[in-house]
PDB file of N, CA and C in Angstrom:
ATOM      1  N   MET A   1    -174.669  22.650 207.701  1.00  0.00           N
ATOM      2  CA  MET A   1    -175.219  21.334 207.929  1.00  0.00           C
ATOM      3  C   MET A   1    -176.311  21.013 206.901  1.00  0.00           C
ATOM      4  N   ILE A   2    -177.159  21.997 206.600  1.00  0.00           N
ATOM      5  CA  ILE A   2    -178.218  21.795 205.618  1.00  0.00           C
ATOM      6  C   ILE A   2    -177.612  21.556 204.239  1.00  0.00           C
ATOM      7  N   ARG A   3    -176.519  22.267 203.917  1.00  0.00           N
ATOM      8  CA  ARG A   3    -175.849  22.067 202.633  1.00  0.00           C
ATOM      9  C   ARG A   3    -175.324  20.633 202.526  1.00  0.00           C
ATOM     10  N   TYR A   4    -174.789  20.132 203.624  1.00  0.00           N
ATOM     11  CA  TYR A   4    -174.252  18.777 203.649  1.00  0.00           C
ATOM     12  C   TYR A   4    -175.354  17.752 203.350  1.00  0.00           C
ATOM     13  N   PHE A   5    -176.510  17.883 204.001  1.00  0.00           N
ATOM     14  CA  PHE A   5    -177.617  16.959 203.771  1.00  0.00           C
ATOM     15  C   PHE A   5    -178.164  17.099 202.357  1.00  0.00           C
ATOM     16  N   GLY A   6    -178.232  18.309 201.851  1.00  0.00           N
ATOM     17  CA  GLY A   6    -178.679  18.523 200.472  1.00  0.00           C
ATOM     18  C   GLY A   6    -177.757  17.835 199.481  1.00  0.00           C
ATOM     19  N   PHE A   7    -176.449  18.001 199.685  1.00  0.00           N
ATOM     20  CA  PHE A   7    -175.470  17.346 198.825  1.00  0.00           C
ATOM     21  C   PHE A   7    -175.582  15.828 198.924  1.00  0.00           C
ATOM     22  N   LEU A   8    -175.767  15.326 200.129  1.00  0.00           N
ATOM     23  CA  LEU A   8    -175.892  13.888 200.353  1.00  0.00           C
ATOM     24  C   LEU A   8    -177.127  13.322 199.643  1.00  0.00           C
ATOM     25  N   ILE A   9    -178.231  14.024 199.706  1.00  0.00           N
ATOM     26  CA  ILE A   9    -179.463  13.578 199.044  1.00  0.00           C
ATOM     27  C   ILE A   9    -179.266  13.538 197.532  1.00  0.00           C
ATOM     28  N   ILE A  10    -178.641  14.563 196.981  1.00  0.00           N
ATOM     29  CA  ILE A  10    -178.389  14.594 195.539  1.00  0.00           C
ATOM     30  C   ILE A  10    -177.452  13.458 195.138  1.00  0.00           C
ATOM     31  N   LEU A  11    -176.412  13.236 195.915  1.00  0.00           N
ATOM     32  CA  LEU A  11    -175.455  12.175 195.619  1.00  0.00           C
ATOM     33  C   LEU A  11    -176.123  10.800 195.637  1.00  0.00           C
ATOM     34  N   VAL A  12    -176.933  10.536 196.639  1.00  0.00           N
ATOM     35  CA  VAL A  12    -177.634   9.253 196.737  1.00  0.00           C
ATOM     36  C   VAL A  12    -178.596   9.082 195.557  1.00  0.00           C
ATOM     37  N   SER A  13    -179.284  10.139 195.169  1.00  0.00           N
ATOM     38  CA  SER A  13    -180.207  10.069 194.034  1.00  0.00           C
ATOM     39  C   SER A  13    -179.473   9.734 192.743  1.00  0.00           C
ATOM     40  N   VAL A  14    -178.355  10.392 192.508  1.00  0.00           N
ATOM     41  CA  VAL A  14    -177.582  10.143 191.288  1.00  0.00           C
ATOM     42  C   VAL A  14    -177.056   8.711 191.266  1.00  0.00           C
ATOM     43  N   VAL A  15    -176.520   8.252 192.375  1.00  0.00           N
ATOM     44  CA  VAL A  15    -175.989   6.888 192.446  1.00  0.00           C
ATOM     45  C   VAL A  15    -177.112   5.871 192.252  1.00  0.00           C
ATOM     46  N   SER A  16    -178.274   6.121 192.816  1.00  0.00           N
ATOM     47  CA  SER A  16    -179.408   5.205 192.665  1.00  0.00           C
ATOM     48  C   SER A  16    -179.844   5.104 191.214  1.00  0.00           C
ATOM     49  N   LEU A  17    -179.943   6.228 190.549  1.00  0.00           N
ATOM     50  CA  LEU A  17    -180.348   6.217 189.147  1.00  0.00           C
ATOM     51  C   LEU A  17    -179.285   5.576 188.270  1.00  0.00           C
ATOM     52  N   TRP A  18    -178.034   5.825 188.573  1.00  0.00           N
ATOM     53  CA  TRP A  18    -176.934   5.281 187.794  1.00  0.00           C
ATOM     54  C   TRP A  18    -176.846   3.771 187.958  1.00  0.00           C
ATOM     55  N   GLY A  19    -177.221   3.254 189.100  1.00  0.00           N
ATOM     56  CA  GLY A  19    -177.101   1.835 189.389  1.00  0.00           C
ATOM     57  C   GLY A  19    -178.215   0.976 188.831  1.00  0.00           C
ATOM     58  N   CYS A  20    -179.239   1.565 188.256  1.00  0.00           N
ATOM     59  CA  CYS A  20    -180.339   0.777 187.708  1.00  0.00           C
ATOM     60  C   CYS A  20    -179.848  -0.079 186.553  1.00  0.00           C
ATOM     61  N   LYS A  21    -180.252  -1.343 186.523  1.00  0.00           N
ATOM     62  CA  LYS A  21    -179.848  -2.252 185.465  1.00  0.00           C
ATOM     63  C   LYS A  21    -180.803  -2.186 184.280  1.00  0.00           C
ATOM     64  N   GLU A  22    -181.970  -1.626 184.474  1.00  0.00           N
ATOM     65  CA  GLU A  22    -182.963  -1.603 183.421  1.00  0.00           C
ATOM     66  C   GLU A  22    -182.738  -0.402 182.516  1.00  0.00           C
ATOM     67  N   GLU A  23    -182.909  -0.624 181.210  1.00  0.00           N
ATOM     68  CA  GLU A  23    -182.742   0.446 180.245  1.00  0.00           C
ATOM     69  C   GLU A  23    -184.023   1.269 180.192  1.00  0.00           C
ATOM     70  N   SER A  24    -183.878   2.552 180.051  1.00  0.00           N
ATOM     71  CA  SER A  24    -185.030   3.430 179.931  1.00  0.00           C
ATOM     72  C   SER A  24    -185.007   4.075 178.556  1.00  0.00           C
ATOM     73  N   GLN A  25    -186.140   4.057 177.867  1.00  0.00           N
ATOM     74  CA  GLN A  25    -186.223   4.671 176.557  1.00  0.00           C
ATOM     75  C   GLN A  25    -187.650   5.156 176.371  1.00  0.00           C
ATOM     76  N   GLU A  26    -187.799   6.458 176.216  1.00  0.00           N
ATOM     77  CA  GLU A  26    -189.113   7.057 176.012  1.00  0.00           C
ATOM     78  C   GLU A  26    -190.105   6.617 177.090  1.00  0.00           C
ATOM     79  N   ASN A  27    -189.746   6.768 178.344  1.00  0.00           N
ATOM     80  CA  ASN A  27    -190.586   6.423 179.495  1.00  0.00           C
ATOM     81  C   ASN A  27    -190.951   4.944 179.547  1.00  0.00           C
ATOM     82  N   GLN A  28    -190.106   4.100 178.969  1.00  0.00           N
ATOM     83  CA  GLN A  28    -190.324   2.665 179.038  1.00  0.00           C
ATOM     84  C   GLN A  28    -189.079   1.999 179.596  1.00  0.00           C
ATOM     85  N   PHE A  29    -189.262   0.820 180.129  1.00  0.00           N
ATOM     86  CA  PHE A  29    -188.171   0.059 180.720  1.00  0.00           C
ATOM     87  C   PHE A  29    -188.080  -1.288 180.020  1.00  0.00           C
ATOM     88  N   VAL A  30    -186.951  -1.961 180.186  1.00  0.00           N
ATOM     89  CA  VAL A  30    -186.725  -3.238 179.518  1.00  0.00           C
ATOM     90  C   VAL A  30    -186.274  -4.273 180.538  1.00  0.00           C
ATOM     91  N   ARG A  31    -186.782  -5.471 180.392  1.00  0.00           N
ATOM     92  CA  ARG A  31    -186.361  -6.581 181.238  1.00  0.00           C
ATOM     93  C   ARG A  31    -186.151  -7.802 180.339  1.00  0.00           C
ATOM     94  N   GLU A  32    -185.071  -8.539 180.582  1.00  0.00           N
ATOM     95  CA  GLU A  32    -184.789  -9.769 179.845  1.00  0.00           C
ATOM     96  C   GLU A  32    -185.039 -10.965 180.748  1.00  0.00           C
ATOM     97  N   GLY A  33    -185.452 -12.072 180.144  1.00  0.00           N
ATOM     98  CA  GLY A  33    -185.660 -13.270 180.930  1.00  0.00           C
ATOM     99  C   GLY A  33    -186.037 -14.465 180.084  1.00  0.00           C
ATOM    100  N   ILE A  34    -186.223 -15.583 180.761  1.00  0.00           N
ATOM    101  CA  ILE A  34    -186.621 -16.841 180.137  1.00  0.00           C
ATOM    102  C   ILE A  34    -188.128 -17.012 180.343  1.00  0.00           C
ATOM    103  N   VAL A  35    -188.830 -17.401 179.294  1.00  0.00           N
ATOM    104  CA  VAL A  35    -190.283 -17.569 179.362  1.00  0.00           C
ATOM    105  C   VAL A  35    -190.612 -18.881 180.074  1.00  0.00           C
ATOM    106  N   ALA A  36    -191.374 -18.785 181.157  1.00  0.00           N
ATOM    107  CA  ALA A  36    -191.839 -19.967 181.886  1.00  0.00           C
ATOM    108  C   ALA A  36    -193.293 -20.276 181.552  1.00  0.00           C
ATOM    109  N   GLU A  37    -194.026 -19.244 181.120  1.00  0.00           N
ATOM    110  CA  GLU A  37    -195.446 -19.422 180.803  1.00  0.00           C
ATOM    111  C   GLU A  37    -195.847 -18.349 179.799  1.00  0.00           C
ATOM    112  N   VAL A  38    -196.623 -18.736 178.799  1.00  0.00           N
ATOM    113  CA  VAL A  38    -197.093 -17.769 177.806  1.00  0.00           C
ATOM    114  C   VAL A  38    -198.510 -18.143 177.386  1.00  0.00           C
ATOM    115  N   SER A  39    -199.355 -17.121 177.238  1.00  0.00           N
ATOM    116  CA  SER A  39    -200.708 -17.326 176.730  1.00  0.00           C
ATOM    117  C   SER A  39    -200.996 -16.211 175.731  1.00  0.00           C
ATOM    118  N   ASP A  40    -202.243 -16.048 175.342  1.00  0.00           N
ATOM    119  CA  ASP A  40    -202.602 -15.094 174.288  1.00  0.00           C
ATOM    120  C   ASP A  40    -201.996 -13.707 174.473  1.00  0.00           C
ATOM    121  N   ALA A  41    -202.183 -13.103 175.628  1.00  0.00           N
ATOM    122  CA  ALA A  41    -201.706 -11.731 175.854  1.00  0.00           C
ATOM    123  C   ALA A  41    -200.968 -11.608 177.187  1.00  0.00           C
ATOM    124  N   HIS A  42    -200.327 -12.691 177.612  1.00  0.00           N
ATOM    125  CA  HIS A  42    -199.667 -12.716 178.919  1.00  0.00           C
ATOM    126  C   HIS A  42    -198.388 -13.536 178.821  1.00  0.00           C
ATOM    127  N   VAL A  43    -197.334 -13.070 179.507  1.00  0.00           N
ATOM    128  CA  VAL A  43    -196.079 -13.819 179.551  1.00  0.00           C
ATOM    129  C   VAL A  43    -195.497 -13.729 180.958  1.00  0.00           C
ATOM    130  N   PHE A  44    -194.942 -14.842 181.436  1.00  0.00           N
ATOM    131  CA  PHE A  44    -194.274 -14.900 182.737  1.00  0.00           C
ATOM    132  C   PHE A  44    -192.818 -15.243 182.464  1.00  0.00           C
ATOM    133  N   ILE A  45    -191.894 -14.343 182.859  1.00  0.00           N
ATOM    134  CA  ILE A  45    -190.469 -14.568 182.611  1.00  0.00           C
ATOM    135  C   ILE A  45    -189.703 -14.579 183.927  1.00  0.00           C
ATOM    136  N   TYR A  46    -188.550 -15.238 183.913  1.00  0.00           N
ATOM    137  CA  TYR A  46    -187.694 -15.254 185.097  1.00  0.00           C
ATOM    138  C   TYR A  46    -186.255 -14.976 184.688  1.00  0.00           C
ATOM    139  N   GLU A  47    -185.490 -14.513 185.663  1.00  0.00           N
ATOM    140  CA  GLU A  47    -184.085 -14.194 185.437  1.00  0.00           C
ATOM    141  C   GLU A  47    -183.305 -15.477 185.176  1.00  0.00           C
ATOM    142  N   GLU A  48    -182.473 -15.454 184.139  1.00  0.00           N
ATOM    143  CA  GLU A  48    -181.661 -16.619 183.797  1.00  0.00           C
ATOM    144  C   GLU A  48    -180.769 -16.998 184.979  1.00  0.00           C
ATOM    145  N   GLN A  49    -180.720 -18.298 185.292  1.00  0.00           N
ATOM    146  CA  GLN A  49    -179.972 -18.788 186.445  1.00  0.00           C
ATOM    147  C   GLN A  49    -178.713 -19.523 185.998  1.00  0.00           C
ATOM    148  N   PRO A  50    -177.532 -19.065 186.434  1.00  0.00           N
ATOM    149  CA  PRO A  50    -176.302 -19.767 186.070  1.00  0.00           C
ATOM    150  C   PRO A  50    -176.299 -21.189 186.626  1.00  0.00           C
ATOM    151  N   GLY A  51    -175.875 -22.127 185.811  1.00  0.00           N
ATOM    152  CA  GLY A  51    -175.791 -23.516 186.251  1.00  0.00           C
ATOM    153  C   GLY A  51    -177.070 -24.311 186.075  1.00  0.00           C
ATOM    154  N   ILE A  52    -178.169 -23.662 185.701  1.00  0.00           N
ATOM    155  CA  ILE A  52    -179.432 -24.374 185.471  1.00  0.00           C
ATOM    156  C   ILE A  52    -179.700 -24.357 183.972  1.00  0.00           C
ATOM    157  N   ASP A  53    -179.607 -25.534 183.348  1.00  0.00           N
ATOM    158  CA  ASP A  53    -179.765 -25.633 181.896  1.00  0.00           C
ATOM    159  C   ASP A  53    -181.192 -25.938 181.465  1.00  0.00           C
ATOM    160  N   ARG A  54    -182.000 -26.462 182.366  1.00  0.00           N
ATOM    161  CA  ARG A  54    -183.365 -26.821 181.979  1.00  0.00           C
ATOM    162  C   ARG A  54    -184.313 -25.643 182.186  1.00  0.00           C
ATOM    163  N   ILE A  55    -185.461 -25.717 181.547  1.00  0.00           N
ATOM    164  CA  ILE A  55    -186.477 -24.674 181.667  1.00  0.00           C
ATOM    165  C   ILE A  55    -187.266 -24.909 182.951  1.00  0.00           C
ATOM    166  N   LEU A  56    -187.391 -23.873 183.761  1.00  0.00           N
ATOM    167  CA  LEU A  56    -188.133 -23.974 185.017  1.00  0.00           C
ATOM    168  C   LEU A  56    -189.605 -23.658 184.786  1.00  0.00           C
ATOM    169  N   THR A  57    -190.471 -24.272 185.590  1.00  0.00           N
ATOM    170  CA  THR A  57    -191.894 -23.952 185.540  1.00  0.00           C
ATOM    171  C   THR A  57    -192.158 -22.716 186.400  1.00  0.00           C
ATOM    172  N   LYS A  58    -193.321 -22.131 186.227  1.00  0.00           N
ATOM    173  CA  LYS A  58    -193.702 -20.966 187.031  1.00  0.00           C
ATOM    174  C   LYS A  58    -193.692 -21.327 188.515  1.00  0.00           C
ATOM    175  N   GLU A  59    -194.169 -22.510 188.859  1.00  0.00           N
ATOM    176  CA  GLU A  59    -194.217 -22.946 190.251  1.00  0.00           C
ATOM    177  C   GLU A  59    -192.810 -23.076 190.838  1.00  0.00           C
ATOM    178  N   GLU A  60    -191.872 -23.624 190.056  1.00  0.00           N
ATOM    179  CA  GLU A  60    -190.488 -23.752 190.527  1.00  0.00           C
ATOM    180  C   GLU A  60    -189.853 -22.381 190.746  1.00  0.00           C
ATOM    181  N   VAL A  61    -190.121 -21.474 189.834  1.00  0.00           N
ATOM    182  CA  VAL A  61    -189.557 -20.119 189.930  1.00  0.00           C
ATOM    183  C   VAL A  61    -190.048 -19.432 191.194  1.00  0.00           C
ATOM    184  N   THR A  62    -191.352 -19.484 191.441  1.00  0.00           N
ATOM    185  CA  THR A  62    -191.897 -18.797 192.616  1.00  0.00           C
ATOM    186  C   THR A  62    -191.492 -19.490 193.915  1.00  0.00           C
ATOM    187  N   SER A  63    -191.408 -20.822 193.914  1.00  0.00           N
ATOM    188  CA  SER A  63    -191.028 -21.518 195.148  1.00  0.00           C
ATOM    189  C   SER A  63    -189.562 -21.293 195.506  1.00  0.00           C
ATOM    190  N   LYS A  64    -188.716 -21.040 194.510  1.00  0.00           N
ATOM    191  CA  LYS A  64    -187.290 -20.793 194.759  1.00  0.00           C
ATOM    192  C   LYS A  64    -186.978 -19.304 194.904  1.00  0.00           C
ATOM    193  N   SER A  65    -187.997 -18.468 194.870  1.00  0.00           N
ATOM    194  CA  SER A  65    -187.852 -17.010 195.003  1.00  0.00           C
ATOM    195  C   SER A  65    -186.878 -16.425 193.985  1.00  0.00           C
ATOM    196  N   ILE A  66    -186.940 -16.916 192.763  1.00  0.00           N
ATOM    197  CA  ILE A  66    -186.125 -16.380 191.672  1.00  0.00           C
ATOM    198  C   ILE A  66    -186.809 -15.116 191.162  1.00  0.00           C
ATOM    199  N   GLN A  67    -186.012 -14.088 190.850  1.00  0.00           N
ATOM    200  CA  GLN A  67    -186.594 -12.839 190.361  1.00  0.00           C
ATOM    201  C   GLN A  67    -187.373 -13.124 189.082  1.00  0.00           C
ATOM    202  N   SER A  68    -188.633 -12.718 189.074  1.00  0.00           N
ATOM    203  CA  SER A  68    -189.503 -13.001 187.942  1.00  0.00           C
ATOM    204  C   SER A  68    -190.531 -11.896 187.785  1.00  0.00           C
ATOM    205  N   SER A  69    -191.146 -11.864 186.597  1.00  0.00           N
ATOM    206  CA  SER A  69    -192.148 -10.846 186.301  1.00  0.00           C
ATOM    207  C   SER A  69    -193.218 -11.422 185.392  1.00  0.00           C
ATOM    208  N   SER A  70    -194.417 -10.918 185.577  1.00  0.00           N
ATOM    209  CA  SER A  70    -195.554 -11.293 184.762  1.00  0.00           C
ATOM    210  C   SER A  70    -196.014 -10.046 184.012  1.00  0.00           C
ATOM    211  N   PHE A  71    -196.188 -10.158 182.695  1.00  0.00           N
ATOM    212  CA  PHE A  71    -196.581  -9.003 181.892  1.00  0.00           C
ATOM    213  C   PHE A  71    -197.837  -9.308 181.095  1.00  0.00           C
ATOM    214  N   GLY A  72    -198.772  -8.372 181.126  1.00  0.00           N
ATOM    215  CA  GLY A  72    -199.952  -8.437 180.290  1.00  0.00           C
ATOM    216  C   GLY A  72    -199.783  -7.465 179.136  1.00  0.00           C
ATOM    217  N   PHE A  73    -200.240  -7.859 177.963  1.00  0.00           N
ATOM    218  CA  PHE A  73    -200.122  -7.038 176.763  1.00  0.00           C
ATOM    219  C   PHE A  73    -201.504  -6.700 176.224  1.00  0.00           C
ATOM    220  N   ASP A  74    -201.601  -5.576 175.512  1.00  0.00           N
ATOM    221  CA  ASP A  74    -202.868  -5.180 174.906  1.00  0.00           C
ATOM    222  C   ASP A  74    -203.190  -6.022 173.676  1.00  0.00           C
ATOM    223  N   GLU A  75    -202.155  -6.556 173.031  1.00  0.00           N
ATOM    224  CA  GLU A  75    -202.343  -7.353 171.826  1.00  0.00           C
ATOM    225  C   GLU A  75    -201.883  -8.784 172.067  1.00  0.00           C
ATOM    226  N   GLN A  76    -202.306  -9.672 171.188  1.00  0.00           N
ATOM    227  CA  GLN A  76    -201.948 -11.078 171.308  1.00  0.00           C
ATOM    228  C   GLN A  76    -200.449 -11.272 171.061  1.00  0.00           C
ATOM    229  N   ILE A  77    -199.838 -12.149 171.848  1.00  0.00           N
ATOM    230  CA  ILE A  77    -198.419 -12.482 171.704  1.00  0.00           C
ATOM    231  C   ILE A  77    -198.306 -13.624 170.704  1.00  0.00           C
ATOM    232  N   SER A  78    -197.405 -13.465 169.737  1.00  0.00           N
ATOM    233  CA  SER A  78    -197.201 -14.541 168.769  1.00  0.00           C
ATOM    234  C   SER A  78    -195.713 -14.845 168.639  1.00  0.00           C
ATOM    235  N   ASN A  79    -195.413 -16.059 168.245  1.00  0.00           N
ATOM    236  CA  ASN A  79    -194.043 -16.489 167.970  1.00  0.00           C
ATOM    237  C   ASN A  79    -193.151 -16.545 169.212  1.00  0.00           C
ATOM    238  N   ILE A  80    -193.732 -16.622 170.397  1.00  0.00           N
ATOM    239  CA  ILE A  80    -192.976 -16.757 171.642  1.00  0.00           C
ATOM    240  C   ILE A  80    -193.407 -18.064 172.300  1.00  0.00           C
ATOM    241  N   GLU A  81    -192.423 -18.864 172.731  1.00  0.00           N
ATOM    242  CA  GLU A  81    -192.708 -20.163 173.335  1.00  0.00           C
ATOM    243  C   GLU A  81    -192.016 -20.287 174.690  1.00  0.00           C
ATOM    244  N   VAL A  82    -192.492 -21.213 175.503  1.00  0.00           N
ATOM    245  CA  VAL A  82    -191.857 -21.503 176.789  1.00  0.00           C
ATOM    246  C   VAL A  82    -190.406 -21.904 176.528  1.00  0.00           C
ATOM    247  N   GLY A  83    -189.491 -21.328 177.302  1.00  0.00           N
ATOM    248  CA  GLY A  83    -188.068 -21.611 177.159  1.00  0.00           C
ATOM    249  C   GLY A  83    -187.306 -20.575 176.356  1.00  0.00           C
ATOM    250  N   ASP A  84    -188.025 -19.733 175.604  1.00  0.00           N
ATOM    251  CA  ASP A  84    -187.368 -18.684 174.823  1.00  0.00           C
ATOM    252  C   ASP A  84    -186.765 -17.633 175.744  1.00  0.00           C
ATOM    253  N   LYS A  85    -185.634 -17.068 175.335  1.00  0.00           N
ATOM    254  CA  LYS A  85    -185.086 -15.904 176.029  1.00  0.00           C
ATOM    255  C   LYS A  85    -185.648 -14.690 175.307  1.00  0.00           C
ATOM    256  N   VAL A  86    -186.267 -13.773 176.072  1.00  0.00           N
ATOM    257  CA  VAL A  86    -186.937 -12.620 175.477  1.00  0.00           C
ATOM    258  C   VAL A  86    -186.517 -11.323 176.154  1.00  0.00           C
ATOM    259  N   LYS A  87    -186.830 -10.247 175.471  1.00  0.00           N
ATOM    260  CA  LYS A  87    -186.668  -8.902 176.015  1.00  0.00           C
ATOM    261  C   LYS A  87    -188.064  -8.291 176.014  1.00  0.00           C
ATOM    262  N   VAL A  88    -188.493  -7.778 177.169  1.00  0.00           N
ATOM    263  CA  VAL A  88    -189.833  -7.198 177.308  1.00  0.00           C
ATOM    264  C   VAL A  88    -189.707  -5.720 177.647  1.00  0.00           C
ATOM    265  N   TRP A  89    -190.372  -4.875 176.856  1.00  0.00           N
ATOM    266  CA  TRP A  89    -190.469  -3.454 177.169  1.00  0.00           C
ATOM    267  C   TRP A  89    -191.766  -3.261 177.945  1.00  0.00           C
ATOM    268  N   TYR A  90    -191.724  -2.438 178.973  1.00  0.00           N
ATOM    269  CA  TYR A  90    -192.923  -2.203 179.777  1.00  0.00           C
ATOM    270  C   TYR A  90    -192.947  -0.758 180.253  1.00  0.00           C
ATOM    271  N   ASP A  91    -194.152  -0.294 180.587  1.00  0.00           N
ATOM    272  CA  ASP A  91    -194.295   1.085 181.062  1.00  0.00           C
ATOM    273  C   ASP A  91    -194.759   1.162 182.506  1.00  0.00           C
ATOM    274  N   ALA A  92    -195.131   0.032 183.079  1.00  0.00           N
ATOM    275  CA  ALA A  92    -195.554   0.013 184.482  1.00  0.00           C
ATOM    276  C   ALA A  92    -195.236  -1.355 185.066  1.00  0.00           C
ATOM    277  N   LEU A  93    -194.780  -1.351 186.331  1.00  0.00           N
ATOM    278  CA  LEU A  93    -194.436  -2.604 187.003  1.00  0.00           C
ATOM    279  C   LEU A  93    -194.638  -2.419 188.498  1.00  0.00           C
ATOM    280  N   ASP A  94    -195.421  -3.304 189.119  1.00  0.00           N
ATOM    281  CA  ASP A  94    -195.581  -3.198 190.569  1.00  0.00           C
ATOM    282  C   ASP A  94    -194.448  -3.950 191.265  1.00  0.00           C
ATOM    283  N   THR A  95    -194.386  -3.812 192.564  1.00  0.00           N
ATOM    284  CA  THR A  95    -193.259  -4.375 193.313  1.00  0.00           C
ATOM    285  C   THR A  95    -193.618  -5.656 194.059  1.00  0.00           C
ATOM    286  N   SER A  96    -194.673  -6.319 193.645  1.00  0.00           N
ATOM    287  CA  SER A  96    -195.037  -7.576 194.298  1.00  0.00           C
ATOM    288  C   SER A  96    -194.005  -8.650 193.939  1.00  0.00           C
ATOM    289  N   SER A  97    -194.161  -9.818 194.507  1.00  0.00           N
ATOM    290  CA  SER A  97    -193.249 -10.909 194.180  1.00  0.00           C
ATOM    291  C   SER A  97    -194.063 -12.126 193.759  1.00  0.00           C
ATOM    292  N   PRO A  98    -194.081 -12.510 192.509  1.00  0.00           N
ATOM    293  CA  PRO A  98    -193.372 -11.897 191.394  1.00  0.00           C
ATOM    294  C   PRO A  98    -194.016 -10.578 190.984  1.00  0.00           C
ATOM    295  N   SER A  99    -193.203  -9.711 190.397  1.00  0.00           N
ATOM    296  CA  SER A  99    -193.725  -8.420 189.956  1.00  0.00           C
ATOM    297  C   SER A  99    -194.632  -8.626 188.745  1.00  0.00           C
ATOM    298  N   SER A 100    -195.543  -7.695 188.543  1.00  0.00           N
ATOM    299  CA  SER A 100    -196.414  -7.772 187.371  1.00  0.00           C
ATOM    300  C   SER A 100    -196.559  -6.383 186.782  1.00  0.00           C
ATOM    301  N   GLY A 101    -196.745  -6.351 185.476  1.00  0.00           N
ATOM    302  CA  GLY A 101    -196.826  -5.055 184.826  1.00  0.00           C
ATOM    303  C   GLY A 101    -197.465  -5.120 183.457  1.00  0.00           C
ATOM    304  N   HIS A 102    -197.440  -3.964 182.801  1.00  0.00           N
ATOM    305  CA  HIS A 102    -198.027  -3.809 181.478  1.00  0.00           C
ATOM    306  C   HIS A 102    -196.914  -3.808 180.437  1.00  0.00           C
ATOM    307  N   GLY A 103    -196.865  -4.843 179.617  1.00  0.00           N
ATOM    308  CA  GLY A 103    -195.868  -4.937 178.557  1.00  0.00           C
ATOM    309  C   GLY A 103    -196.313  -4.172 177.326  1.00  0.00           C
ATOM    310  N   THR A 104    -195.357  -3.521 176.674  1.00  0.00           N
ATOM    311  CA  THR A 104    -195.666  -2.770 175.458  1.00  0.00           C
ATOM    312  C   THR A 104    -195.061  -3.408 174.213  1.00  0.00           C
ATOM    313  N   LYS A 105    -194.011  -4.215 174.394  1.00  0.00           N
ATOM    314  CA  LYS A 105    -193.347  -4.868 173.263  1.00  0.00           C
ATOM    315  C   LYS A 105    -192.586  -6.078 173.791  1.00  0.00           C
ATOM    316  N   ILE A 106    -192.528  -7.130 172.985  1.00  0.00           N
ATOM    317  CA  ILE A 106    -191.740  -8.311 173.347  1.00  0.00           C
ATOM    318  C   ILE A 106    -190.926  -8.733 172.132  1.00  0.00           C
ATOM    319  N   GLU A 107    -189.667  -9.091 172.390  1.00  0.00           N
ATOM    320  CA  GLU A 107    -188.757  -9.457 171.305  1.00  0.00           C
ATOM    321  C   GLU A 107    -188.033 -10.754 171.661  1.00  0.00           C
ATOM    322  N   LEU A 108    -187.992 -11.671 170.712  1.00  0.00           N
ATOM    323  CA  LEU A 108    -187.279 -12.931 170.898  1.00  0.00           C
ATOM    324  C   LEU A 108    -185.781 -12.680 170.783  1.00  0.00           C
ATOM    325  N   ILE A 109    -185.016 -13.125 171.791  1.00  0.00           N
ATOM    326  CA  ILE A 109    -183.558 -13.019 171.748  1.00  0.00           C
ATOM    327  C   ILE A 109    -182.974 -14.320 171.219  1.00  0.00           C
ATOM    328  N   LYS A 110    -183.399 -15.465 171.818  1.00  0.00           N
ATOM    329  CA  LYS A 110    -182.938 -16.758 171.299  1.00  0.00           C
ATOM    330  C   LYS A 110    -183.851 -17.876 171.772  1.00  0.00           C
ATOM    331  N   ARG A 111    -183.850 -18.945 171.006  1.00  0.00           N
ATOM    332  CA  ARG A 111    -184.602 -20.152 171.335  1.00  0.00           C
ATOM    333  C   ARG A 111    -183.671 -21.135 172.022  1.00  0.00           C
ATOM    334  N   PRO A 112    -184.208 -22.015 172.876  1.00  0.00           N
ATOM    335  CA  PRO A 112    -183.333 -22.986 173.561  1.00  0.00           C
ATOM    336  C   PRO A 112    -182.749 -24.017 172.599  1.00  0.00           C
TER     337      PRO A 112
END
């Protein structure tokens, strides 16, 4: 019986890790999204929504409970604008709604 539970725990752990959508590289994770708000060292992104072509505001994103994240960076963010699709690397993220974390790198994927 103990062997069965041990096997079950290992199986669930492997499936959980395998099912993660976020990429891991050198203890960092990646999240993609649309920029709803950007300032000197802060960016708020939300998950792209099928069927919605316009750029949503931060207030619209939070009121509609769309998956979103807020990232603070140690350095100033440049060349990123509201509406851009970006990829954010981060090393820490809390589980609040919206989630917030520490960004380590941001990359522009495409402009609207």
